[in-house]
Amino acid sequence: MKISDTDILLVPGYGDTPSGHWMMRWQAKMANAWVVEQKNWFQPVRKVWQDALEKRLEKTTRPVVLVGHSLGCILIAHAAHALPKDKVRGAFLVAPTDLERDAPKPAFDTGNFVPLPRAPLPFPAHVVASRTDPHCAYARAEELAKAWGATFQDAGEAGHINLESGRGPWPEGMMSFAYFMKRLG
């Protein structure tokens, strides 16, 4: 599947996603990519966030590929079975956050996002995880990928794969995403 033949919905996680973040750079470079906007990035409510995802999905006219980061990955996993199966062709999930971890505790009330979903996703998915992510142990990310039926990629020691961890442009991510798209056929 060609990137240009799809609508790419970018699903950020908790808090600010600055313009230098790889996700925002992807939006700027791809005319067919849109960020799923939330009313409040600092007080995530699963139903509200899922409604925003579903409303944005309704506006698409072509096959959709979801790209999630951090809490966005968890939102996609929760919403997956409610999304139109004929529209969503796949999900590229980067640095899923473990809301069930002991430390450091998430900065928001996670009650409506836990337990973490563990059902297989109804579309192809690929999880990219770092060995040094402070928000999700590598083994936990691997476990989630397996539960979701996703392929798994070791990003090495890349922190939370965000701007703070030095992954602004993140060209390796774009190459991985292009390969994922090719595999979707």
Protein backbone atom coordinates (compact mmCIF):
# COMPACT_ATOMS: atom_id res chain seq x y z
CA MET A 1 0.00 0.00 0.00
CA LYS A 2 1.37 3.39 -0.93
CA ILE A 3 1.42 6.13 1.69
CA SER A 4 -0.07 8.49 -0.89
CA ASP A 5 -3.11 6.19 -1.36
CA THR A 6 -4.18 6.42 2.27
CA ASP A 7 -5.29 8.85 4.93
CA ILE A 8 -2.83 8.81 7.83
CA LEU A 9 -4.30 9.65 11.23
CA LEU A 10 -1.67 10.62 13.79
CA VAL A 11 -2.74 9.88 17.36
CA PRO A 12 -0.46 11.61 19.91
CA GLY A 13 -0.34 10.78 23.59
CA TYR A 14 -0.60 12.75 26.79
CA GLY A 15 0.55 16.39 26.95
CA ASP A 16 2.16 18.67 24.43
CA THR A 17 3.51 17.33 21.17
CA PRO A 18 5.88 20.11 20.05
CA SER A 19 6.40 20.99 16.39
CA GLY A 20 9.85 19.35 16.41
CA HIS A 21 8.42 15.95 17.43
CA TRP A 22 8.63 13.32 14.69
CA MET A 23 4.84 13.02 14.58
CA MET A 24 4.36 16.72 13.84
CA ARG A 25 7.15 16.58 11.27
CA TRP A 26 5.36 13.70 9.56
CA GLN A 27 2.17 15.74 9.45
CA ALA A 28 4.05 18.65 7.87
CA LYS A 29 5.63 16.40 5.22
CA MET A 30 2.61 14.30 4.28
CA ALA A 31 -0.36 16.09 2.69
CA ASN A 32 -2.56 13.14 3.63
CA ALA A 33 -1.69 13.09 7.37
CA TRP A 34 -3.79 14.66 10.10
CA VAL A 35 -3.40 14.83 13.86
CA VAL A 36 -6.41 13.61 15.81
CA GLU A 37 -7.01 16.66 18.00
CA GLN A 38 -8.17 16.36 21.59
CA LYS A 39 -9.92 19.02 23.66
CA ASN A 40 -7.58 18.51 26.60
CA TRP A 41 -4.19 16.86 26.14
CA PHE A 42 -3.52 16.99 29.91
CA GLN A 43 -6.71 15.38 31.19
CA PRO A 44 -7.27 12.35 28.98
CA VAL A 45 -10.68 10.72 29.20
CA ARG A 46 -10.87 7.57 27.14
CA LYS A 47 -14.42 8.03 25.87
CA VAL A 48 -13.79 11.66 24.89
CA TRP A 49 -10.51 10.78 23.18
CA GLN A 50 -12.07 7.78 21.41
CA ASP A 51 -15.00 9.92 20.23
CA ALA A 52 -12.49 12.41 18.75
CA LEU A 53 -10.69 9.57 16.95
CA GLU A 54 -13.95 8.19 15.56
CA LYS A 55 -15.14 11.64 14.41
CA ARG A 56 -11.83 12.29 12.63
CA LEU A 57 -12.03 8.84 11.04
CA GLU A 58 -15.51 9.68 9.68
CA LYS A 59 -13.98 12.57 7.70
CA THR A 60 -11.59 10.31 5.80
CA THR A 61 -12.33 9.26 2.25
CA ARG A 62 -9.63 6.65 1.63
CA PRO A 63 -8.24 3.65 3.51
CA VAL A 64 -6.82 4.76 6.86
CA VAL A 65 -3.61 3.88 8.66
CA LEU A 66 -3.35 4.94 12.29
CA VAL A 67 -0.04 6.09 13.77
CA GLY A 68 -0.01 6.20 17.56
CA HIS A 69 2.55 7.41 20.07
CA SER A 70 2.55 6.64 23.80
CA LEU A 71 -0.99 6.97 25.18
CA GLY A 72 -2.18 7.23 21.57
CA CYS A 73 -1.18 3.56 21.13
CA ILE A 74 -3.29 2.57 24.11
CA LEU A 75 -6.23 4.59 22.80
CA ILE A 76 -5.98 2.84 19.42
CA ALA A 77 -5.87 -0.57 21.11
CA HIS A 78 -8.96 0.27 23.20
CA ALA A 79 -10.86 1.69 20.21
CA ALA A 80 -9.79 -0.88 17.62
CA HIS A 81 -12.87 -3.11 17.68
CA ALA A 82 -15.25 -0.11 17.53
CA LEU A 83 -13.60 1.34 14.41
CA PRO A 84 -14.97 0.55 10.92
CA LYS A 85 -13.23 -2.63 9.79
CA ASP A 86 -13.57 -1.69 6.13
CA LYS A 87 -11.75 1.62 6.67
CA VAL A 88 -8.78 1.00 9.00
CA ARG A 89 -6.06 -0.96 7.25
CA GLY A 90 -3.40 -0.93 9.95
CA ALA A 91 -1.75 0.72 12.95
CA PHE A 92 1.85 1.77 13.48
CA LEU A 93 2.30 2.01 17.27
CA VAL A 94 5.34 3.76 18.72
CA ALA A 95 6.43 3.62 22.36
CA PRO A 96 3.19 2.43 23.95
CA THR A 97 2.94 3.61 27.53
CA ASP A 98 2.42 1.11 30.35
CA LEU A 99 -0.29 2.64 32.53
CA GLU A 100 -0.13 -0.34 34.90
CA ARG A 101 3.51 0.26 35.84
CA ASP A 102 4.57 0.88 39.43
CA ALA A 103 6.93 3.77 38.72
CA PRO A 104 7.11 6.39 37.54
CA LYS A 105 3.39 6.86 38.01
CA PRO A 106 1.59 8.50 35.07
CA ALA A 107 0.83 12.22 35.54
CA PHE A 108 -2.92 11.74 35.05
CA ASP A 109 -5.77 9.57 36.30
CA THR A 110 -5.41 6.37 34.28
CA GLY A 111 -8.61 4.77 35.55
CA ASN A 112 -10.47 4.90 32.28
CA PHE A 113 -7.53 3.54 30.24
CA VAL A 114 -6.78 0.51 32.43
CA PRO A 115 -6.65 -2.37 32.29
CA LEU A 116 -4.52 -2.24 29.18
CA PRO A 117 -6.26 -3.95 26.27
CA ARG A 118 -4.86 -7.33 25.38
CA ALA A 119 -7.23 -8.52 22.65
CA PRO A 120 -5.76 -9.04 19.19
CA LEU A 121 -6.29 -6.00 16.99
CA PRO A 122 -8.66 -6.51 14.03
CA PHE A 123 -6.11 -5.07 11.58
CA PRO A 124 -2.36 -5.47 11.01
CA ALA A 125 -0.22 -3.60 13.52
CA HIS A 126 3.43 -2.94 14.18
CA VAL A 127 4.86 -1.91 17.58
CA VAL A 128 8.15 -0.02 17.87
CA ALA A 129 9.66 -0.01 21.37
CA SER A 130 12.79 1.28 23.06
CA ARG A 131 14.93 -0.59 25.55
CA THR A 132 15.24 2.59 27.66
CA ASP A 133 11.68 3.92 27.63
CA PRO A 134 10.89 5.28 31.12
CA HIS A 135 7.17 4.85 30.45
CA CYS A 136 7.19 1.20 29.39
CA ALA A 137 9.64 -1.62 30.02
CA TYR A 138 10.87 -3.27 26.85
CA ALA A 139 9.52 -6.68 27.90
CA ARG A 140 6.10 -5.15 28.59
CA ALA A 141 6.00 -3.53 25.13
CA GLU A 142 6.93 -6.86 23.60
CA GLU A 143 4.15 -8.54 25.62
CA LEU A 144 1.59 -5.97 24.41
CA ALA A 145 2.68 -6.42 20.78
CA LYS A 146 2.23 -10.18 21.10
CA ALA A 147 -1.21 -9.81 22.71
CA TRP A 148 -2.29 -7.38 19.97
CA GLY A 149 -1.03 -9.72 17.22
CA ALA A 150 1.42 -7.05 16.10
CA THR A 151 4.88 -7.37 14.66
CA PHE A 152 7.55 -5.97 16.97
CA GLN A 153 10.61 -3.79 16.40
CA ASP A 154 13.48 -3.06 18.78
CA ALA A 155 14.35 0.64 18.49
CA GLY A 156 17.43 0.23 20.68
CA GLU A 157 18.16 2.71 23.44
CA ALA A 158 15.84 5.45 22.20
CA GLY A 159 14.10 6.63 25.37
CA HIS A 160 10.41 7.39 24.82
CA ILE A 161 11.05 7.98 21.10
CA ASN A 162 10.16 11.64 21.38
CA LEU A 163 11.79 15.04 21.16
CA GLU A 164 13.19 14.84 24.71
CA SER A 165 15.00 11.61 23.84
CA GLY A 166 16.56 13.15 20.73
CA ARG A 167 14.10 11.69 18.24
CA GLY A 168 12.95 14.87 16.51
CA PRO A 169 13.10 13.95 12.83
CA TRP A 170 13.47 10.19 13.56
CA PRO A 171 14.34 9.06 10.00
CA GLU A 172 14.57 5.42 11.14
CA GLY A 173 10.91 5.65 12.10
CA MET A 174 9.90 6.92 8.69
CA MET A 175 11.80 4.06 7.04
CA SER A 176 10.10 1.57 9.35
CA PHE A 177 6.70 3.13 8.63
CA ALA A 178 7.33 2.94 4.86
CA TYR A 179 8.22 -0.75 5.21
CA PHE A 180 5.07 -1.35 7.27
CA MET A 181 2.99 0.36 4.56
CA LYS A 182 4.60 -1.81 1.89
CA ARG A 183 3.70 -4.93 3.90
CA LEU A 184 0.06 -3.82 4.03
CA GLY A 185 -0.02 -4.39 0.27
